[in-house]
């Protein structure tokens, strides 16, 4: 029996090459494999004239129990429904790809949410080449216009994360779309500046580009818990740029409480 997605593309003719993975009900998922796919590090990337963040997908040993990690995967995350109310998807960030997961992670983390890598595989994810008709992507149509919209979206996202002064200082902030900035902005239970230290990458243009690979940490103990402070106003946008310890961040200095975990490397 073919799936609905297969029927969707069948009107343009058979696509046997696409069909091989489409019948998901016939794909057996090994719930407890020896190795899993995982996000073990992230990096800062240049996208046009602005900067974003892109995760690196790695292969790591399956952990014996769910482990605390700093990354959130857009295609695989589960939480109480209140997360969507407290940290909603930004309705004004059109055509965002690189940076979506980091934006959501920083916002959720500053609202007090933690992220865990599961100790088993519970669902399979159909992730296939961009040109396949089974995976329509927004950059295959009208990209000349959409790329310009994406550029301004990325400027907006960086501003809401408090990074405008570090990454996009050459753009007049009054030109940005800042609708519902508080609704789609940072939380007040942790500082965003601490998130970058927790991850181990610097958010400016000249600092550490790659965070440390931590597959061996995520597959065993996970990161140590980062304290959640009482609600406050320490993410005030007006004072936010000054809160970044730029010199220290450029050297990727990590709080001594977490140094042992952070500096473990995976080759």
C-alpha atoms as a PDB file:
ATOM      1  CA  UNK A   1       0.000   0.000   0.000  1.00  0.00           C
ATOM      2  CA  UNK A   2       1.490   3.341  -1.014  1.00  0.00           C
ATOM      3  CA  UNK A   3       1.528   6.297   1.303  1.00  0.00           C
ATOM      4  CA  UNK A   4      -0.260   9.599   0.744  1.00  0.00           C
ATOM      5  CA  UNK A   5       3.031  11.313  -0.038  1.00  0.00           C
ATOM      6  CA  UNK A   6       3.737   8.828  -2.810  1.00  0.00           C
ATOM      7  CA  UNK A   7       0.303   9.533  -4.251  1.00  0.00           C
ATOM      8  CA  UNK A   8       1.043  13.280  -4.128  1.00  0.00           C
ATOM      9  CA  UNK A   9       3.951  12.960  -6.559  1.00  0.00           C
ATOM     10  CA  UNK A  10       2.476  10.151  -8.649  1.00  0.00           C
ATOM     11  CA  UNK A  11       0.424  12.580 -10.722  1.00  0.00           C
ATOM     12  CA  UNK A  12       3.588  13.646 -12.579  1.00  0.00           C
ATOM     13  CA  UNK A  13       4.526  10.071 -13.339  1.00  0.00           C
ATOM     14  CA  UNK A  14       6.202   7.234 -11.511  1.00  0.00           C
ATOM     15  CA  UNK A  15       9.180   8.008  -9.331  1.00  0.00           C
ATOM     16  CA  UNK A  16      10.538   4.598  -8.428  1.00  0.00           C
ATOM     17  CA  UNK A  17      13.829   6.072  -7.223  1.00  0.00           C
ATOM     18  CA  UNK A  18      11.906   8.242  -4.750  1.00  0.00           C
ATOM     19  CA  UNK A  19       9.632   5.440  -3.661  1.00  0.00           C
ATOM     20  CA  UNK A  20      12.303   3.266  -2.121  1.00  0.00           C
ATOM     21  CA  UNK A  21      12.134   5.127   1.211  1.00  0.00           C
ATOM     22  CA  UNK A  22       8.657   6.542   1.062  1.00  0.00           C
ATOM     23  CA  UNK A  23       6.709   3.620   2.442  1.00  0.00           C
ATOM     24  CA  UNK A  24       7.571   4.454   6.017  1.00  0.00           C
ATOM     25  CA  UNK A  25       5.236   1.843   7.444  1.00  0.00           C
ATOM     26  CA  UNK A  26       7.509  -0.799   5.911  1.00  0.00           C
ATOM     27  CA  UNK A  27      10.695   0.622   7.423  1.00  0.00           C
ATOM     28  CA  UNK A  28      11.663  -1.177  10.608  1.00  0.00           C
ATOM     29  CA  UNK A  29      13.278   1.120  13.153  1.00  0.00           C
ATOM     30  CA  UNK A  30      15.803  -0.419  15.528  1.00  0.00           C
ATOM     31  CA  UNK A  31      14.755   1.163  18.804  1.00  0.00           C
ATOM     32  CA  UNK A  32      17.997   0.470  20.649  1.00  0.00           C
ATOM     33  CA  UNK A  33      20.835   0.560  18.102  1.00  0.00           C
ATOM     34  CA  UNK A  34      24.453   0.681  19.180  1.00  0.00           C
ATOM     35  CA  UNK A  35      24.902   4.051  17.461  1.00  0.00           C
ATOM     36  CA  UNK A  36      22.593   7.006  16.890  1.00  0.00           C
ATOM     37  CA  UNK A  37      22.623  10.215  14.912  1.00  0.00           C
ATOM     38  CA  UNK A  38      23.187  13.204  17.152  1.00  0.00           C
ATOM     39  CA  UNK A  39      24.024  16.906  17.107  1.00  0.00           C
ATOM     40  CA  UNK A  40      27.360  17.039  18.895  1.00  0.00           C
ATOM     41  CA  UNK A  41      28.557  20.484  17.886  1.00  0.00           C
ATOM     42  CA  UNK A  42      27.573  23.655  16.060  1.00  0.00           C
ATOM     43  CA  UNK A  43      29.388  26.335  14.134  1.00  0.00           C
ATOM     44  CA  UNK A  44      29.039  29.937  13.136  1.00  0.00           C
ATOM     45  CA  UNK A  45      28.452  30.371   9.389  1.00  0.00           C
ATOM     46  CA  UNK A  46      28.500  33.341   7.076  1.00  0.00           C
ATOM     47  CA  UNK A  47      25.266  33.676   5.095  1.00  0.00           C
ATOM     48  CA  UNK A  48      25.580  36.536   2.656  1.00  0.00           C
ATOM     49  CA  UNK A  49      26.478  39.605   4.695  1.00  0.00           C
ATOM     50  CA  UNK A  50      25.121  38.293   7.948  1.00  0.00           C
ATOM     51  CA  UNK A  51      25.973  35.435  10.288  1.00  0.00           C
ATOM     52  CA  UNK A  52      24.024  32.420  11.497  1.00  0.00           C
ATOM     53  CA  UNK A  53      24.629  29.054  13.160  1.00  0.00           C
ATOM     54  CA  UNK A  54      24.499  25.562  11.686  1.00  0.00           C
ATOM     55  CA  UNK A  55      24.562  22.243  13.527  1.00  0.00           C
ATOM     56  CA  UNK A  56      26.798  19.322  12.661  1.00  0.00           C
ATOM     57  CA  UNK A  57      25.132  15.892  12.628  1.00  0.00           C
ATOM     58  CA  UNK A  58      27.344  13.145  14.020  1.00  0.00           C
ATOM     59  CA  UNK A  59      27.263   9.429  14.742  1.00  0.00           C
ATOM     60  CA  UNK A  60      27.633   8.561  18.403  1.00  0.00           C
ATOM     61  CA  UNK A  61      27.084   5.643  20.743  1.00  0.00           C
ATOM     62  CA  UNK A  62      23.595   5.423  22.159  1.00  0.00           C
ATOM     63  CA  UNK A  63      23.573   6.736  25.757  1.00  0.00           C
ATOM     64  CA  UNK A  64      22.412   4.465  28.610  1.00  0.00           C
ATOM     65  CA  UNK A  65      19.859   7.081  29.680  1.00  0.00           C
ATOM     66  CA  UNK A  66      18.613  10.432  28.302  1.00  0.00           C
ATOM     67  CA  UNK A  67      21.467  12.924  28.562  1.00  0.00           C
ATOM     68  CA  UNK A  68      21.445  16.694  28.945  1.00  0.00           C
ATOM     69  CA  UNK A  69      22.597  18.493  25.770  1.00  0.00           C
ATOM     70  CA  UNK A  70      22.615  22.158  24.632  1.00  0.00           C
ATOM     71  CA  UNK A  71      21.136  21.612  21.168  1.00  0.00           C
ATOM     72  CA  UNK A  72      17.587  21.350  19.859  1.00  0.00           C
ATOM     73  CA  UNK A  73      16.715  19.568  16.615  1.00  0.00           C
ATOM     74  CA  UNK A  74      13.834  21.117  14.693  1.00  0.00           C
ATOM     75  CA  UNK A  75      12.898  17.783  13.134  1.00  0.00           C
ATOM     76  CA  UNK A  76      12.903  15.849  16.392  1.00  0.00           C
ATOM     77  CA  UNK A  77      11.798  17.526  19.601  1.00  0.00           C
ATOM     78  CA  UNK A  78       9.001  16.788  21.999  1.00  0.00           C
ATOM     79  CA  UNK A  79       7.772  18.806  24.955  1.00  0.00           C
ATOM     80  CA  UNK A  80       4.706  19.756  26.891  1.00  0.00           C
ATOM     81  CA  UNK A  81       2.298  21.844  24.858  1.00  0.00           C
ATOM     82  CA  UNK A  82       2.975  24.818  27.085  1.00  0.00           C
ATOM     83  CA  UNK A  83       6.362  25.216  25.384  1.00  0.00           C
ATOM     84  CA  UNK A  84       4.621  26.358  22.215  1.00  0.00           C
ATOM     85  CA  UNK A  85       2.695  28.938  24.235  1.00  0.00           C
ATOM     86  CA  UNK A  86       5.723  30.148  26.172  1.00  0.00           C
ATOM     87  CA  UNK A  87       8.221  29.928  23.295  1.00  0.00           C
ATOM     88  CA  UNK A  88       6.127  30.109  20.122  1.00  0.00           C
ATOM     89  CA  UNK A  89       7.449  29.754  16.609  1.00  0.00           C
ATOM     90  CA  UNK A  90       8.173  33.216  15.214  1.00  0.00           C
ATOM     91  CA  UNK A  91       5.387  34.056  12.766  1.00  0.00           C
ATOM     92  CA  UNK A  92       7.454  36.909  11.280  1.00  0.00           C
ATOM     93  CA  UNK A  93      10.616  34.928  10.451  1.00  0.00           C
ATOM     94  CA  UNK A  94       9.946  33.914   6.870  1.00  0.00           C
ATOM     95  CA  UNK A  95      12.119  31.482   4.881  1.00  0.00           C
ATOM     96  CA  UNK A  96      14.463  30.818   7.795  1.00  0.00           C
ATOM     97  CA  UNK A  97      16.622  27.682   7.536  1.00  0.00           C
ATOM     98  CA  UNK A  98      20.120  28.008   8.997  1.00  0.00           C
ATOM     99  CA  UNK A  99      19.628  29.509  12.414  1.00  0.00           C
ATOM    100  CA  UNK A 100      16.105  28.248  13.086  1.00  0.00           C
ATOM    101  CA  UNK A 101      17.188  25.563  15.543  1.00  0.00           C
ATOM    102  CA  UNK A 102      19.641  27.815  17.331  1.00  0.00           C
ATOM    103  CA  UNK A 103      17.094  30.618  17.624  1.00  0.00           C
ATOM    104  CA  UNK A 104      14.496  28.313  19.127  1.00  0.00           C
ATOM    105  CA  UNK A 105      17.071  26.715  21.429  1.00  0.00           C
ATOM    106  CA  UNK A 106      18.361  30.018  22.828  1.00  0.00           C
ATOM    107  CA  UNK A 107      14.856  31.313  23.382  1.00  0.00           C
ATOM    108  CA  UNK A 108      13.683  28.107  25.078  1.00  0.00           C
ATOM    109  CA  UNK A 109      16.863  27.830  27.168  1.00  0.00           C
ATOM    110  CA  UNK A 110      16.483  31.400  28.438  1.00  0.00           C
ATOM    111  CA  UNK A 111      12.908  30.536  29.369  1.00  0.00           C
ATOM    112  CA  UNK A 112      14.273  27.748  31.582  1.00  0.00           C
ATOM    113  CA  UNK A 113      13.908  24.731  29.282  1.00  0.00           C
ATOM    114  CA  UNK A 114      16.519  21.973  29.108  1.00  0.00           C
ATOM    115  CA  UNK A 115      17.158  19.589  26.197  1.00  0.00           C
ATOM    116  CA  UNK A 116      17.831  15.854  26.401  1.00  0.00           C
ATOM    117  CA  UNK A 117      19.141  13.396  23.858  1.00  0.00           C
ATOM    118  CA  UNK A 118      16.976  10.225  24.010  1.00  0.00           C
ATOM    119  CA  UNK A 119      18.365   6.838  24.958  1.00  0.00           C
ATOM    120  CA  UNK A 120      16.444   5.113  22.148  1.00  0.00           C
ATOM    121  CA  UNK A 121      15.158   5.779  18.641  1.00  0.00           C
ATOM    122  CA  UNK A 122      11.416   6.247  18.631  1.00  0.00           C
ATOM    123  CA  UNK A 123      10.717   7.547  15.130  1.00  0.00           C
ATOM    124  CA  UNK A 124      12.377   7.598  11.714  1.00  0.00           C
ATOM    125  CA  UNK A 125      12.894  10.825   9.783  1.00  0.00           C
ATOM    126  CA  UNK A 126      12.686  10.963   5.995  1.00  0.00           C
ATOM    127  CA  UNK A 127      15.594  13.278   5.119  1.00  0.00           C
ATOM    128  CA  UNK A 128      16.505  13.063   1.459  1.00  0.00           C
ATOM    129  CA  UNK A 129      18.256  15.226  -1.161  1.00  0.00           C
ATOM    130  CA  UNK A 130      16.816  18.667  -1.866  1.00  0.00           C
ATOM    131  CA  UNK A 131      15.921  17.889  -5.458  1.00  0.00           C
ATOM    132  CA  UNK A 132      13.652  14.977  -4.607  1.00  0.00           C
ATOM    133  CA  UNK A 133       9.943  15.709  -5.150  1.00  0.00           C
ATOM    134  CA  UNK A 134       9.303  14.031  -1.793  1.00  0.00           C
ATOM    135  CA  UNK A 135      11.091  16.830   0.014  1.00  0.00           C
ATOM    136  CA  UNK A 136       9.875  20.193  -1.289  1.00  0.00           C
ATOM    137  CA  UNK A 137      12.012  23.055   0.029  1.00  0.00           C
ATOM    138  CA  UNK A 138      11.290  26.771  -0.161  1.00  0.00           C
ATOM    139  CA  UNK A 139      14.504  27.695  -2.001  1.00  0.00           C
ATOM    140  CA  UNK A 140      13.578  25.790  -5.157  1.00  0.00           C
ATOM    141  CA  UNK A 141      11.030  28.436  -6.229  1.00  0.00           C
ATOM    142  CA  UNK A 142      11.344  32.202  -6.636  1.00  0.00           C
ATOM    143  CA  UNK A 143      14.609  32.232  -4.726  1.00  0.00           C
ATOM    144  CA  UNK A 144      15.639  35.640  -6.090  1.00  0.00           C
ATOM    145  CA  UNK A 145      12.806  37.206  -4.098  1.00  0.00           C
ATOM    146  CA  UNK A 146      12.777  34.801  -1.185  1.00  0.00           C
ATOM    147  CA  UNK A 147      16.504  35.128  -0.524  1.00  0.00           C
ATOM    148  CA  UNK A 148      16.045  38.850   0.125  1.00  0.00           C
ATOM    149  CA  UNK A 149      13.231  38.116   2.552  1.00  0.00           C
ATOM    150  CA  UNK A 150      15.409  35.509   4.266  1.00  0.00           C
ATOM    151  CA  UNK A 151      18.218  38.045   4.686  1.00  0.00           C
ATOM    152  CA  UNK A 152      15.963  40.434   6.609  1.00  0.00           C
ATOM    153  CA  UNK A 153      14.557  37.519   8.590  1.00  0.00           C
ATOM    154  CA  UNK A 154      18.057  36.591   9.727  1.00  0.00           C
ATOM    155  CA  UNK A 155      18.729  40.179  10.756  1.00  0.00           C
ATOM    156  CA  UNK A 156      15.538  40.090  12.796  1.00  0.00           C
ATOM    157  CA  UNK A 157      16.451  36.794  14.461  1.00  0.00           C
ATOM    158  CA  UNK A 158      19.929  38.015  15.405  1.00  0.00           C
ATOM    159  CA  UNK A 159      18.413  41.163  16.880  1.00  0.00           C
ATOM    160  CA  UNK A 160      15.943  39.188  18.981  1.00  0.00           C
ATOM    161  CA  UNK A 161      18.824  37.055  20.271  1.00  0.00           C
ATOM    162  CA  UNK A 162      20.684  40.199  21.316  1.00  0.00           C
ATOM    163  CA  UNK A 163      23.352  39.765  18.641  1.00  0.00           C
ATOM    164  CA  UNK A 164      22.721  42.784  16.426  1.00  0.00           C
ATOM    165  CA  UNK A 165      25.585  44.802  17.861  1.00  0.00           C
ATOM    166  CA  UNK A 166      28.004  41.926  17.362  1.00  0.00           C
ATOM    167  CA  UNK A 167      26.935  40.530  13.999  1.00  0.00           C
ATOM    168  CA  UNK A 168      24.911  43.121  12.091  1.00  0.00           C
ATOM    169  CA  UNK A 169      26.105  46.449  13.501  1.00  0.00           C
ATOM    170  CA  UNK A 170      26.374  47.858   9.962  1.00  0.00           C
ATOM    171  CA  UNK A 171      22.559  47.716   9.551  1.00  0.00           C
ATOM    172  CA  UNK A 172      20.374  50.437  11.028  1.00  0.00           C
ATOM    173  CA  UNK A 173      18.216  48.562  13.550  1.00  0.00           C
ATOM    174  CA  UNK A 174      15.295  50.915  12.883  1.00  0.00           C
ATOM    175  CA  UNK A 175      14.929  49.227   9.468  1.00  0.00           C
ATOM    176  CA  UNK A 176      14.277  45.791  10.967  1.00  0.00           C
ATOM    177  CA  UNK A 177      10.922  44.102  11.330  1.00  0.00           C
ATOM    178  CA  UNK A 178      10.554  43.987  15.104  1.00  0.00           C
ATOM    179  CA  UNK A 179       6.908  43.116  15.392  1.00  0.00           C
ATOM    180  CA  UNK A 180       6.099  41.134  18.545  1.00  0.00           C
ATOM    181  CA  UNK A 181       9.733  41.352  19.646  1.00  0.00           C
ATOM    182  CA  UNK A 182       8.909  40.535  23.247  1.00  0.00           C
ATOM    183  CA  UNK A 183       6.650  37.641  22.293  1.00  0.00           C
ATOM    184  CA  UNK A 184       9.343  36.043  20.118  1.00  0.00           C
ATOM    185  CA  UNK A 185      12.339  37.249  22.080  1.00  0.00           C
ATOM    186  CA  UNK A 186      14.434  35.932  24.926  1.00  0.00           C
ATOM    187  CA  UNK A 187      13.267  34.610  28.249  1.00  0.00           C
ATOM    188  CA  UNK A 188      14.368  35.937  31.616  1.00  0.00           C
ATOM    189  CA  UNK A 189      15.275  32.773  33.511  1.00  0.00           C
ATOM    190  CA  UNK A 190      18.766  32.439  32.036  1.00  0.00           C
ATOM    191  CA  UNK A 191      21.035  34.838  30.165  1.00  0.00           C
ATOM    192  CA  UNK A 192      21.590  34.219  26.469  1.00  0.00           C
ATOM    193  CA  UNK A 193      25.245  35.139  26.906  1.00  0.00           C
ATOM    194  CA  UNK A 194      25.553  32.087  29.174  1.00  0.00           C
ATOM    195  CA  UNK A 195      24.053  29.867  26.470  1.00  0.00           C
ATOM    196  CA  UNK A 196      26.994  30.566  24.152  1.00  0.00           C
ATOM    197  CA  UNK A 197      29.414  29.667  26.924  1.00  0.00           C
ATOM    198  CA  UNK A 198      27.404  26.517  27.616  1.00  0.00           C
ATOM    199  CA  UNK A 199      27.610  25.547  23.937  1.00  0.00           C
ATOM    200  CA  UNK A 200      31.253  26.610  23.587  1.00  0.00           C
ATOM    201  CA  UNK A 201      31.081  28.832  20.509  1.00  0.00           C
ATOM    202  CA  UNK A 202      31.446  32.598  20.281  1.00  0.00           C
ATOM    203  CA  UNK A 203      28.629  34.539  18.630  1.00  0.00           C
ATOM    204  CA  UNK A 204      30.785  37.360  17.264  1.00  0.00           C
ATOM    205  CA  UNK A 205      32.421  37.443  13.816  1.00  0.00           C
ATOM    206  CA  UNK A 206      35.988  36.830  14.952  1.00  0.00           C
ATOM    207  CA  UNK A 207      35.834  34.332  17.794  1.00  0.00           C
ATOM    208  CA  UNK A 208      35.742  30.565  18.004  1.00  0.00           C
ATOM    209  CA  UNK A 209      33.894  29.251  14.942  1.00  0.00           C
ATOM    210  CA  UNK A 210      33.261  25.638  15.997  1.00  0.00           C
ATOM    211  CA  UNK A 211      31.999  24.457  19.352  1.00  0.00           C
ATOM    212  CA  UNK A 212      33.862  21.439  20.784  1.00  0.00           C
ATOM    213  CA  UNK A 213      32.695  18.031  19.602  1.00  0.00           C
ATOM    214  CA  UNK A 214      31.052  16.386  22.598  1.00  0.00           C
ATOM    215  CA  UNK A 215      29.720  13.063  21.338  1.00  0.00           C
ATOM    216  CA  UNK A 216      31.615  11.231  24.069  1.00  0.00           C
ATOM    217  CA  UNK A 217      29.980  13.454  26.693  1.00  0.00           C
ATOM    218  CA  UNK A 218      26.475  13.249  25.247  1.00  0.00           C
ATOM    219  CA  UNK A 219      26.714   9.460  24.916  1.00  0.00           C
ATOM    220  CA  UNK A 220      27.716   8.951  28.568  1.00  0.00           C
ATOM    221  CA  UNK A 221      27.030  11.536  31.261  1.00  0.00           C
ATOM    222  CA  UNK A 222      25.655  14.495  29.335  1.00  0.00           C
ATOM    223  CA  UNK A 223      26.423  18.083  30.282  1.00  0.00           C
ATOM    224  CA  UNK A 224      26.107  19.264  33.875  1.00  0.00           C
ATOM    225  CA  UNK A 225      22.901  21.141  34.633  1.00  0.00           C
ATOM    226  CA  UNK A 226      23.010  24.899  34.241  1.00  0.00           C
ATOM    227  CA  UNK A 227      21.185  26.738  37.024  1.00  0.00           C
ATOM    228  CA  UNK A 228      17.901  28.469  36.330  1.00  0.00           C
ATOM    229  CA  UNK A 229      17.800  31.881  37.960  1.00  0.00           C
ATOM    230  CA  UNK A 230      14.789  33.634  39.376  1.00  0.00           C
ATOM    231  CA  UNK A 231      12.877  35.731  36.827  1.00  0.00           C
ATOM    232  CA  UNK A 232      14.603  39.035  36.117  1.00  0.00           C
ATOM    233  CA  UNK A 233      15.374  41.605  33.457  1.00  0.00           C
ATOM    234  CA  UNK A 234      18.946  40.606  32.637  1.00  0.00           C
ATOM    235  CA  UNK A 235      18.121  40.210  28.924  1.00  0.00           C
ATOM    236  CA  UNK A 236      17.180  43.850  28.485  1.00  0.00           C
ATOM    237  CA  UNK A 237      17.939  44.664  24.841  1.00  0.00           C
ATOM    238  CA  UNK A 238      19.257  48.142  25.552  1.00  0.00           C
ATOM    239  CA  UNK A 239      22.082  46.801  27.696  1.00  0.00           C
ATOM    240  CA  UNK A 240      22.501  43.423  26.059  1.00  0.00           C
ATOM    241  CA  UNK A 241      25.506  44.021  23.799  1.00  0.00           C
ATOM    242  CA  UNK A 242      27.556  45.245  26.734  1.00  0.00           C
ATOM    243  CA  UNK A 243      26.852  42.003  28.574  1.00  0.00           C
ATOM    244  CA  UNK A 244      29.009  39.927  26.213  1.00  0.00           C
ATOM    245  CA  UNK A 245      32.478  39.316  27.679  1.00  0.00           C
ATOM    246  CA  UNK A 246      33.993  39.697  24.202  1.00  0.00           C
ATOM    247  CA  UNK A 247      37.651  39.124  25.071  1.00  0.00           C
ATOM    248  CA  UNK A 248      36.879  36.054  27.138  1.00  0.00           C
ATOM    249  CA  UNK A 249      34.479  34.665  24.585  1.00  0.00           C
ATOM    250  CA  UNK A 250      37.062  35.003  21.834  1.00  0.00           C
ATOM    251  CA  UNK A 251      39.306  32.728  23.826  1.00  0.00           C
ATOM    252  CA  UNK A 252      36.378  30.353  24.488  1.00  0.00           C
ATOM    253  CA  UNK A 253      36.902  30.615  28.218  1.00  0.00           C
ATOM    254  CA  UNK A 254      34.325  28.441  29.914  1.00  0.00           C
ATOM    255  CA  UNK A 255      33.230  28.624  33.517  1.00  0.00           C
ATOM    256  CA  UNK A 256      35.451  26.344  35.591  1.00  0.00           C
ATOM    257  CA  UNK A 257      32.419  24.427  36.804  1.00  0.00           C
ATOM    258  CA  UNK A 258      31.905  23.098  33.287  1.00  0.00           C
ATOM    259  CA  UNK A 259      35.452  23.127  31.870  1.00  0.00           C
ATOM    260  CA  UNK A 260      36.088  19.417  32.302  1.00  0.00           C
ATOM    261  CA  UNK A 261      32.992  18.544  30.309  1.00  0.00           C
ATOM    262  CA  UNK A 262      33.445  21.249  27.683  1.00  0.00           C
ATOM    263  CA  UNK A 263      37.031  20.505  26.812  1.00  0.00           C
ATOM    264  CA  UNK A 264      36.548  16.812  26.115  1.00  0.00           C
ATOM    265  CA  UNK A 265      37.155  16.381  22.412  1.00  0.00           C
ATOM    266  CA  UNK A 266      35.891  13.882  19.864  1.00  0.00           C
ATOM    267  CA  UNK A 267      37.920  13.259  16.762  1.00  0.00           C
END
